[in-house]
């Protein structure tokens, strides 16, 4: 895939992670990594700390573990706290960020000043993460697909997070009220009004993002898969399940009112964006039931790269792309096409793999690698010997040394 086959101009304001220092984080006692190349590979055997380092980087994006891990599990067993410090560059503008985790709390600083509200930090450094679990998205539970869309919307509109949080708060209150013996109908009307306003906004944003993703992912899918497959994302409203009309506060309010008695019997709210879902179709067939593993991998990668392209186009900023365990998720031809595509852009890419072979698919002028062993990171140089200056596979794998 080349630039001429995709987008004529993919330039944007450079956004980079310059360095990161990690201490007491999972199995990483102390580590300092610099990222003076656009592509960085962390490679080594399983359970050595590759994904842990990627997870630490990901916390700089939205203060959440992309493994959905609780705070205590992020702190090393023999440590009282975990610390992450990093310098990020937005064009020529540097930002120093610091995150400290202990058993009681998380504290965040930016440029030496305490961050008291998440929204002051979250979304400032956009990142997109691709993990092996993403391949199961079409077959997984609806909440995973809603989360995927919400995170995509959030990259464009950080206020989406606070709106979603408020919606969930009112939804919880309404559900509690439904279970009372004699619910206060006036209070219920207040909850319904706010849920309707917030819900209509959430669904509109999700639908809009689904349309953007479908368009961008179609273009990328053709290049990564090397075939003529087409993608369609079908959005299923939790407000009007059999009606594709644009969401409005009035429609949602009417559905909540009509479902009042049924919701009381169920004990929860049945209508609204908390019940939204979407499905993916490849060339007219449901991906969940008809797609091969290779097609699911291509679809997952295409959707993630589509997120990156949408942010680049609309925010003039290319997010950092984090790819975990690349070797096991894409065959060689798909990897070659993927890196040909990424090389034509300007985004920073951090990836992990069990062997160093993916390193040699990266552009020679803009790549570096770290070998990872038991939570330690050793930067490797190509040197005069070029591509033979370090082994392609970790010791003990039985693989030959050449690519």
Protein backbone atom coordinates (compact mmCIF):
# COMPACT_ATOMS: atom_id res chain seq x y z
CA UNK A 1 0.00 0.00 0.00
CA UNK A 2 1.46 3.36 -0.96
CA UNK A 3 0.48 6.94 -0.32
CA UNK A 4 -0.89 7.25 -3.85
CA UNK A 5 -3.28 4.39 -3.14
CA UNK A 6 -4.59 5.96 0.05
CA UNK A 7 -4.53 9.64 0.95
CA UNK A 8 -2.60 12.22 -1.15
CA UNK A 9 -1.41 14.18 1.87
CA UNK A 10 -1.10 12.52 5.28
CA UNK A 11 1.03 15.16 6.96
CA UNK A 12 0.00 16.64 10.31
CA UNK A 13 1.49 18.38 13.31
CA UNK A 14 4.18 16.01 14.67
CA UNK A 15 3.25 14.48 18.01
CA UNK A 16 5.95 12.42 19.73
CA UNK A 17 6.92 10.62 22.89
CA UNK A 18 10.54 11.67 23.43
CA UNK A 19 11.42 9.58 26.49
CA UNK A 20 9.84 7.75 29.40
CA UNK A 21 11.11 6.71 32.84
CA UNK A 22 9.32 3.86 34.61
CA UNK A 23 9.80 2.65 38.19
CA UNK A 24 7.94 0.08 40.27
CA UNK A 25 5.52 -0.72 37.47
CA UNK A 26 4.57 -4.40 37.26
CA UNK A 27 7.88 -6.27 36.68
CA UNK A 28 9.82 -3.13 35.74
CA UNK A 29 11.99 -2.04 38.68
CA UNK A 30 13.51 0.90 36.81
CA UNK A 31 13.78 1.66 33.10
CA UNK A 32 14.49 4.64 30.91
CA UNK A 33 13.69 4.49 27.20
CA UNK A 34 14.29 7.16 24.58
CA UNK A 35 12.34 7.28 21.33
CA UNK A 36 14.42 9.28 18.89
CA UNK A 37 13.11 7.27 15.94
CA UNK A 38 9.57 7.16 14.61
CA UNK A 39 9.34 3.36 14.88
CA UNK A 40 10.41 1.57 18.07
CA UNK A 41 10.32 -2.19 18.56
CA UNK A 42 10.37 -3.85 21.99
CA UNK A 43 11.15 -7.52 21.54
CA UNK A 44 11.85 -10.54 23.73
CA UNK A 45 10.28 -13.68 25.11
CA UNK A 46 6.81 -13.68 26.61
CA UNK A 47 6.33 -12.32 30.16
CA UNK A 48 9.55 -10.27 29.99
CA UNK A 49 7.91 -6.83 30.28
CA UNK A 50 7.30 -5.71 26.70
CA UNK A 51 3.56 -5.18 27.13
CA UNK A 52 4.11 -3.69 30.60
CA UNK A 53 6.20 -0.91 29.06
CA UNK A 54 3.57 -0.35 26.37
CA UNK A 55 0.90 -0.23 29.09
CA UNK A 56 2.88 2.44 30.96
CA UNK A 57 3.04 4.53 27.79
CA UNK A 58 -0.69 4.04 27.25
CA UNK A 59 -1.47 5.51 30.68
CA UNK A 60 -0.21 8.85 29.35
CA UNK A 61 -3.10 8.80 26.87
CA UNK A 62 -6.16 8.37 29.05
CA UNK A 63 -4.90 7.40 32.54
CA UNK A 64 -6.34 3.91 32.07
CA UNK A 65 -4.71 0.55 31.55
CA UNK A 66 -5.57 -0.84 28.12
CA UNK A 67 -5.69 -4.23 29.89
CA UNK A 68 -8.46 -2.83 32.15
CA UNK A 69 -6.23 -3.58 35.15
CA UNK A 70 -6.90 -2.16 38.58
CA UNK A 71 -4.42 0.33 40.02
CA UNK A 72 -2.97 -2.02 42.66
CA UNK A 73 -2.05 -4.63 40.06
CA UNK A 74 0.05 -2.05 38.21
CA UNK A 75 2.36 -1.58 41.20
CA UNK A 76 5.25 -4.03 41.53
CA UNK A 77 4.78 -6.62 44.28
CA UNK A 78 7.73 -5.36 46.33
CA UNK A 79 7.11 -1.66 45.67
CA UNK A 80 4.98 0.88 47.52
CA UNK A 81 4.30 2.94 44.42
CA UNK A 82 4.71 3.04 40.66
CA UNK A 83 6.04 6.13 38.89
CA UNK A 84 5.96 7.15 35.26
CA UNK A 85 7.62 10.29 33.93
CA UNK A 86 7.74 11.26 30.28
CA UNK A 87 8.38 14.07 27.86
CA UNK A 88 6.03 14.46 24.95
CA UNK A 89 6.26 16.88 22.07
CA UNK A 90 3.30 18.54 20.38
CA UNK A 91 5.15 19.96 17.40
CA UNK A 92 7.93 21.97 19.04
CA UNK A 93 6.02 22.38 22.30
CA UNK A 94 7.30 20.09 25.08
CA UNK A 95 5.15 18.65 27.86
CA UNK A 96 6.56 16.92 30.92
CA UNK A 97 4.04 14.47 32.37
CA UNK A 98 4.22 12.47 35.58
CA UNK A 99 1.93 9.79 37.00
CA UNK A 100 2.29 8.29 40.46
CA UNK A 101 0.27 5.30 41.63
CA UNK A 102 0.04 3.93 45.16
CA UNK A 103 -2.46 1.77 47.03
CA UNK A 104 -4.66 4.75 47.88
CA UNK A 105 -4.62 7.10 44.92
CA UNK A 106 -3.28 8.26 41.59
CA UNK A 107 -1.60 11.64 41.27
CA UNK A 108 -0.84 13.36 37.98
CA UNK A 109 1.36 16.32 37.10
CA UNK A 110 1.91 18.21 33.89
CA UNK A 111 4.82 20.59 33.50
CA UNK A 112 5.40 20.38 37.24
CA UNK A 113 1.84 21.36 38.24
CA UNK A 114 -0.68 19.03 39.84
CA UNK A 115 -3.60 18.00 37.63
CA UNK A 116 -6.74 18.03 39.77
CA UNK A 117 -9.28 17.13 37.08
CA UNK A 118 -8.89 14.23 34.68
CA UNK A 119 -10.25 16.26 31.79
CA UNK A 120 -7.25 18.59 32.07
CA UNK A 121 -4.99 15.69 31.14
CA UNK A 122 -6.98 12.95 29.44
CA UNK A 123 -6.94 13.33 25.67
CA UNK A 124 -4.09 15.82 25.54
CA UNK A 125 -1.76 13.08 24.31
CA UNK A 126 -3.90 10.90 22.02
CA UNK A 127 -2.88 7.27 21.64
CA UNK A 128 -4.40 4.30 19.88
CA UNK A 129 -3.70 0.78 21.08
CA UNK A 130 -3.97 -2.43 19.06
CA UNK A 131 -3.92 -5.65 21.12
CA UNK A 132 -4.62 -9.31 20.29
CA UNK A 133 -7.99 -8.99 22.03
CA UNK A 134 -9.18 -6.52 19.39
CA UNK A 135 -9.55 -9.35 16.89
CA UNK A 136 -12.52 -10.64 18.86
CA UNK A 137 -14.39 -7.33 18.69
CA UNK A 138 -17.03 -8.43 16.10
CA UNK A 139 -17.83 -11.55 18.15
CA UNK A 140 -17.50 -10.05 21.61
CA UNK A 141 -20.09 -8.48 23.92
CA UNK A 142 -21.87 -5.25 22.86
CA UNK A 143 -20.24 -3.26 25.67
CA UNK A 144 -16.84 -3.82 24.03
CA UNK A 145 -18.11 -2.41 20.75
CA UNK A 146 -19.70 0.57 22.49
CA UNK A 147 -16.42 1.22 24.30
CA UNK A 148 -14.55 1.07 20.98
CA UNK A 149 -16.81 3.75 19.49
CA UNK A 150 -16.73 5.88 22.64
CA UNK A 151 -12.94 5.93 22.69
CA UNK A 152 -12.91 6.92 19.03
CA UNK A 153 -15.34 9.78 19.69
CA UNK A 154 -13.30 10.82 22.71
CA UNK A 155 -10.17 11.23 20.55
CA UNK A 156 -12.04 13.83 18.52
CA UNK A 157 -14.15 15.32 21.30
CA UNK A 158 -12.71 14.92 24.82
CA UNK A 159 -15.97 16.28 26.31
CA UNK A 160 -17.59 12.99 25.25
CA UNK A 161 -16.10 11.36 28.34
CA UNK A 162 -17.78 13.71 30.81
CA UNK A 163 -21.09 13.44 28.94
CA UNK A 164 -20.90 9.63 29.02
CA UNK A 165 -20.03 9.69 32.73
CA UNK A 166 -23.01 11.92 33.50
CA UNK A 167 -25.34 9.70 31.45
CA UNK A 168 -24.22 6.63 33.40
CA UNK A 169 -24.79 8.46 36.68
CA UNK A 170 -28.38 9.36 35.80
CA UNK A 171 -28.97 5.85 34.43
CA UNK A 172 -27.88 4.35 37.73
CA UNK A 173 -30.20 6.69 39.64
CA UNK A 174 -33.14 5.81 37.40
CA UNK A 175 -32.51 2.08 37.83
CA UNK A 176 -32.42 2.46 41.61
CA UNK A 177 -35.66 4.43 41.51
CA UNK A 178 -37.34 1.77 39.35
CA UNK A 179 -36.72 -0.82 42.09
CA UNK A 180 -38.37 1.20 44.84
CA UNK A 181 -41.87 0.08 45.95
CA UNK A 182 -43.40 3.51 45.22
CA UNK A 183 -41.13 5.43 42.84
CA UNK A 184 -41.41 9.22 42.82
CA UNK A 185 -42.75 9.94 39.32
CA UNK A 186 -41.73 13.60 39.49
CA UNK A 187 -38.15 12.62 40.23
CA UNK A 188 -38.34 10.02 37.47
CA UNK A 189 -39.40 12.75 35.04
CA UNK A 190 -36.30 14.75 35.98
CA UNK A 191 -34.07 11.73 35.37
CA UNK A 192 -35.80 10.93 32.08
CA UNK A 193 -35.36 14.49 30.85
CA UNK A 194 -31.63 14.55 31.48
CA UNK A 195 -31.14 11.00 30.18
CA UNK A 196 -32.95 11.95 26.98
CA UNK A 197 -30.78 15.00 26.35
CA UNK A 198 -27.51 13.24 27.07
CA UNK A 199 -28.55 10.02 25.34
CA UNK A 200 -29.47 11.72 22.07
CA UNK A 201 -26.08 13.48 22.01
CA UNK A 202 -24.22 10.25 22.73
CA UNK A 203 -25.99 8.32 19.99
CA UNK A 204 -25.51 11.10 17.43
CA UNK A 205 -21.78 11.18 18.13
CA UNK A 206 -21.48 7.40 17.97
CA UNK A 207 -23.40 7.20 14.69
CA UNK A 208 -21.25 9.93 13.20
CA UNK A 209 -18.08 8.13 14.26
CA UNK A 210 -19.35 4.82 12.88
CA UNK A 211 -19.80 6.49 9.49
CA UNK A 212 -16.30 7.97 9.57
CA UNK A 213 -14.78 4.64 10.60
CA UNK A 214 -16.60 2.77 7.84
CA UNK A 215 -15.27 5.12 5.19
CA UNK A 216 -11.67 5.22 6.40
CA UNK A 217 -11.44 1.54 7.34
CA UNK A 218 -12.73 0.54 3.88
CA UNK A 219 -9.85 2.36 2.26
CA UNK A 220 -7.27 0.91 4.63
CA UNK A 221 -8.73 -2.61 4.51
CA UNK A 222 -8.24 -2.80 0.76
CA UNK A 223 -4.55 -2.08 1.19
CA UNK A 224 -3.80 -4.20 4.26
CA UNK A 225 -5.69 -7.27 3.01
CA UNK A 226 -4.56 -6.90 -0.59
CA UNK A 227 -8.06 -7.81 -1.72
CA UNK A 228 -11.34 -6.31 -2.80
CA UNK A 229 -13.23 -6.73 0.46
CA UNK A 230 -15.71 -4.05 1.46
CA UNK A 231 -16.72 -3.12 4.99
CA UNK A 232 -20.05 -1.94 6.31
CA UNK A 233 -20.74 -0.96 9.91
CA UNK A 234 -24.41 -1.28 10.85
CA UNK A 235 -25.46 0.73 13.87
CA UNK A 236 -28.23 -0.68 16.08
CA UNK A 237 -29.93 1.89 18.27
CA UNK A 238 -30.83 1.04 21.86
CA UNK A 239 -33.54 3.70 21.67
CA UNK A 240 -35.39 2.64 18.51
CA UNK A 241 -34.24 -0.88 17.76
CA UNK A 242 -36.27 -1.22 14.55
CA UNK A 243 -36.00 2.36 13.39
CA UNK A 244 -32.93 4.02 11.88
CA UNK A 245 -34.25 7.57 12.30
CA UNK A 246 -31.86 10.20 13.67
CA UNK A 247 -31.83 10.22 17.49
CA UNK A 248 -33.52 13.10 19.29
CA UNK A 249 -34.16 13.87 22.94
CA UNK A 250 -37.91 13.78 22.24
CA UNK A 251 -37.78 10.29 20.76
CA UNK A 252 -35.76 8.91 23.65
CA UNK A 253 -38.06 10.58 26.20
CA UNK A 254 -41.08 9.00 24.51
CA UNK A 255 -39.45 5.55 24.55
CA UNK A 256 -38.53 5.86 28.22
CA UNK A 257 -42.09 6.84 29.08
CA UNK A 258 -43.59 4.02 27.01
CA UNK A 259 -41.28 1.44 28.64
CA UNK A 260 -42.01 2.61 32.19
CA UNK A 261 -44.10 -0.36 33.34
CA UNK A 262 -41.89 -2.93 31.61
CA UNK A 263 -38.79 -1.34 33.09
CA UNK A 264 -40.32 -1.52 36.56
CA UNK A 265 -40.88 -5.24 36.14
CA UNK A 266 -37.35 -5.74 34.85
CA UNK A 267 -35.76 -3.45 37.42
CA UNK A 268 -33.61 -1.62 34.88
CA UNK A 269 -33.85 0.84 31.99
CA UNK A 270 -34.26 -0.96 28.69
CA UNK A 271 -34.04 1.93 26.20
CA UNK A 272 -31.16 4.28 25.51
CA UNK A 273 -27.59 4.40 24.20
CA UNK A 274 -26.41 2.04 26.95
CA UNK A 275 -28.09 -0.65 24.82
CA UNK A 276 -26.60 0.48 21.47
CA UNK A 277 -24.58 -1.94 19.35
CA UNK A 278 -23.01 -2.19 15.91
CA UNK A 279 -22.07 -5.03 13.61
CA UNK A 280 -19.41 -5.33 10.92
CA UNK A 281 -20.08 -6.86 7.51
CA UNK A 282 -17.36 -7.90 5.09
CA UNK A 283 -18.49 -7.99 1.47
CA UNK A 284 -22.11 -8.34 2.60
CA UNK A 285 -21.56 -11.11 5.18
CA UNK A 286 -21.53 -10.73 8.98
CA UNK A 287 -17.91 -10.71 10.12
CA UNK A 288 -18.83 -12.38 13.42
CA UNK A 289 -19.98 -15.57 11.70
CA UNK A 290 -18.35 -15.58 8.25
CA UNK A 291 -14.92 -13.92 8.53
CA UNK A 292 -11.75 -16.00 8.70
CA UNK A 293 -9.08 -15.32 11.30
CA UNK A 294 -7.03 -13.50 8.69
CA UNK A 295 -10.01 -11.33 7.75
CA UNK A 296 -10.75 -10.55 11.40
CA UNK A 297 -7.13 -9.50 11.90
CA UNK A 298 -7.20 -7.26 8.84
CA UNK A 299 -10.52 -5.78 10.01
CA UNK A 300 -9.21 -5.06 13.52
CA UNK A 301 -6.05 -3.39 12.22
CA UNK A 302 -8.02 -1.37 9.66
CA UNK A 303 -10.42 -0.05 12.29
CA UNK A 304 -7.57 1.00 14.56
CA UNK A 305 -5.64 2.73 11.77
CA UNK A 306 -8.90 4.37 10.68
CA UNK A 307 -9.15 5.92 14.15
CA UNK A 308 -5.68 7.33 13.74
CA UNK A 309 -6.46 8.76 10.30
CA UNK A 310 -9.71 10.38 11.51
CA UNK A 311 -7.91 12.16 14.33
CA UNK A 312 -5.12 13.23 11.98
CA UNK A 313 -7.59 14.70 9.49
CA UNK A 314 -9.79 16.50 12.02
CA UNK A 315 -7.34 17.52 14.75
CA UNK A 316 -4.24 17.89 12.57
CA UNK A 317 -2.47 15.62 15.06
CA UNK A 318 -1.49 12.01 14.48
CA UNK A 319 -1.92 9.88 17.64
CA UNK A 320 0.85 7.59 18.81
CA UNK A 321 0.09 4.04 17.68
CA UNK A 322 0.82 1.23 20.16
CA UNK A 323 0.78 -2.28 18.67
CA UNK A 324 1.07 -5.19 21.10
CA UNK A 325 2.21 -8.65 20.01
CA UNK A 326 2.28 -7.91 16.31
CA UNK A 327 4.01 -11.16 15.35
CA UNK A 328 1.12 -13.39 16.40
CA UNK A 329 -1.65 -11.31 14.87
CA UNK A 330 -0.65 -10.57 11.27
CA UNK A 331 0.89 -12.81 8.66
CA UNK A 332 3.96 -11.64 6.79
CA UNK A 333 2.19 -10.20 3.74
CA UNK A 334 -0.26 -8.21 5.87
CA UNK A 335 2.59 -6.92 8.02
CA UNK A 336 4.51 -5.77 4.97
CA UNK A 337 1.47 -3.91 3.63
CA UNK A 338 0.73 -2.40 7.04
CA UNK A 339 4.24 -1.02 7.48
CA UNK A 340 4.35 0.25 3.92
CA UNK A 341 1.23 2.22 4.79
CA UNK A 342 2.53 3.48 8.15
CA UNK A 343 5.87 4.45 6.62
CA UNK A 344 4.07 6.84 4.26
CA UNK A 345 2.61 8.76 7.21
CA UNK A 346 4.17 10.79 9.99
CA UNK A 347 2.89 9.11 13.18
CA UNK A 348 5.05 7.55 15.87
CA UNK A 349 4.67 3.78 16.28
CA UNK A 350 5.67 1.62 19.27
CA UNK A 351 5.28 -2.12 18.89
CA UNK A 352 6.12 -5.36 20.66
CA UNK A 353 7.00 -8.77 19.24
CA UNK A 354 8.61 -11.98 20.45
CA UNK A 355 11.35 -11.74 17.80
CA UNK A 356 13.15 -8.86 16.14
CA UNK A 357 12.18 -9.78 12.60
CA UNK A 358 9.49 -7.03 12.37
CA UNK A 359 12.32 -4.54 12.91
CA UNK A 360 13.55 -5.16 9.39
CA UNK A 361 10.22 -4.23 7.85
CA UNK A 362 10.54 -0.76 9.34
CA UNK A 363 12.16 2.09 7.40
CA UNK A 364 15.93 1.89 7.98
CA UNK A 365 16.32 5.63 8.45
CA UNK A 366 13.78 5.89 11.28
CA UNK A 367 13.81 2.80 13.49
CA UNK A 368 15.27 1.50 16.74
CA UNK A 369 14.87 -1.59 18.92
CA UNK A 370 15.10 -2.65 22.56
CA UNK A 371 15.66 -6.21 23.72
CA UNK A 372 13.52 -6.87 26.80
CA UNK A 373 14.61 -9.38 29.45
CA UNK A 374 13.04 -9.66 32.92
CA UNK A 375 11.89 -6.06 33.03
CA UNK A 376 15.14 -4.60 31.71
CA UNK A 377 15.55 -2.87 28.35
CA UNK A 378 18.72 -2.90 26.26
CA UNK A 379 18.86 -0.64 23.25
CA UNK A 380 20.38 -2.30 20.22
CA UNK A 381 22.33 -0.58 17.49
CA UNK A 382 22.63 -1.75 13.91
CA UNK A 383 26.23 -0.61 13.63
CA UNK A 384 28.54 -1.41 10.77
CA UNK A 385 27.15 -4.90 10.41
CA UNK A 386 23.76 -3.46 9.48
CA UNK A 387 20.85 -5.84 9.82
CA UNK A 388 23.03 -8.68 11.13
CA UNK A 389 24.24 -6.76 14.17
CA UNK A 390 21.80 -8.54 16.51
CA UNK A 391 19.90 -11.85 16.33
CA UNK A 392 16.51 -11.85 14.69
CA UNK A 393 15.03 -14.32 17.19
CA UNK A 394 15.60 -14.51 20.95
CA UNK A 395 17.97 -17.25 22.11
CA UNK A 396 16.46 -20.67 22.58
CA UNK A 397 13.67 -20.40 20.00
CA UNK A 398 15.33 -22.77 17.56
CA UNK A 399 14.85 -20.30 14.72
CA UNK A 400 17.61 -19.39 12.35
CA UNK A 401 19.26 -16.02 12.79
CA UNK A 402 18.44 -14.51 9.41
CA UNK A 403 15.19 -12.81 8.43
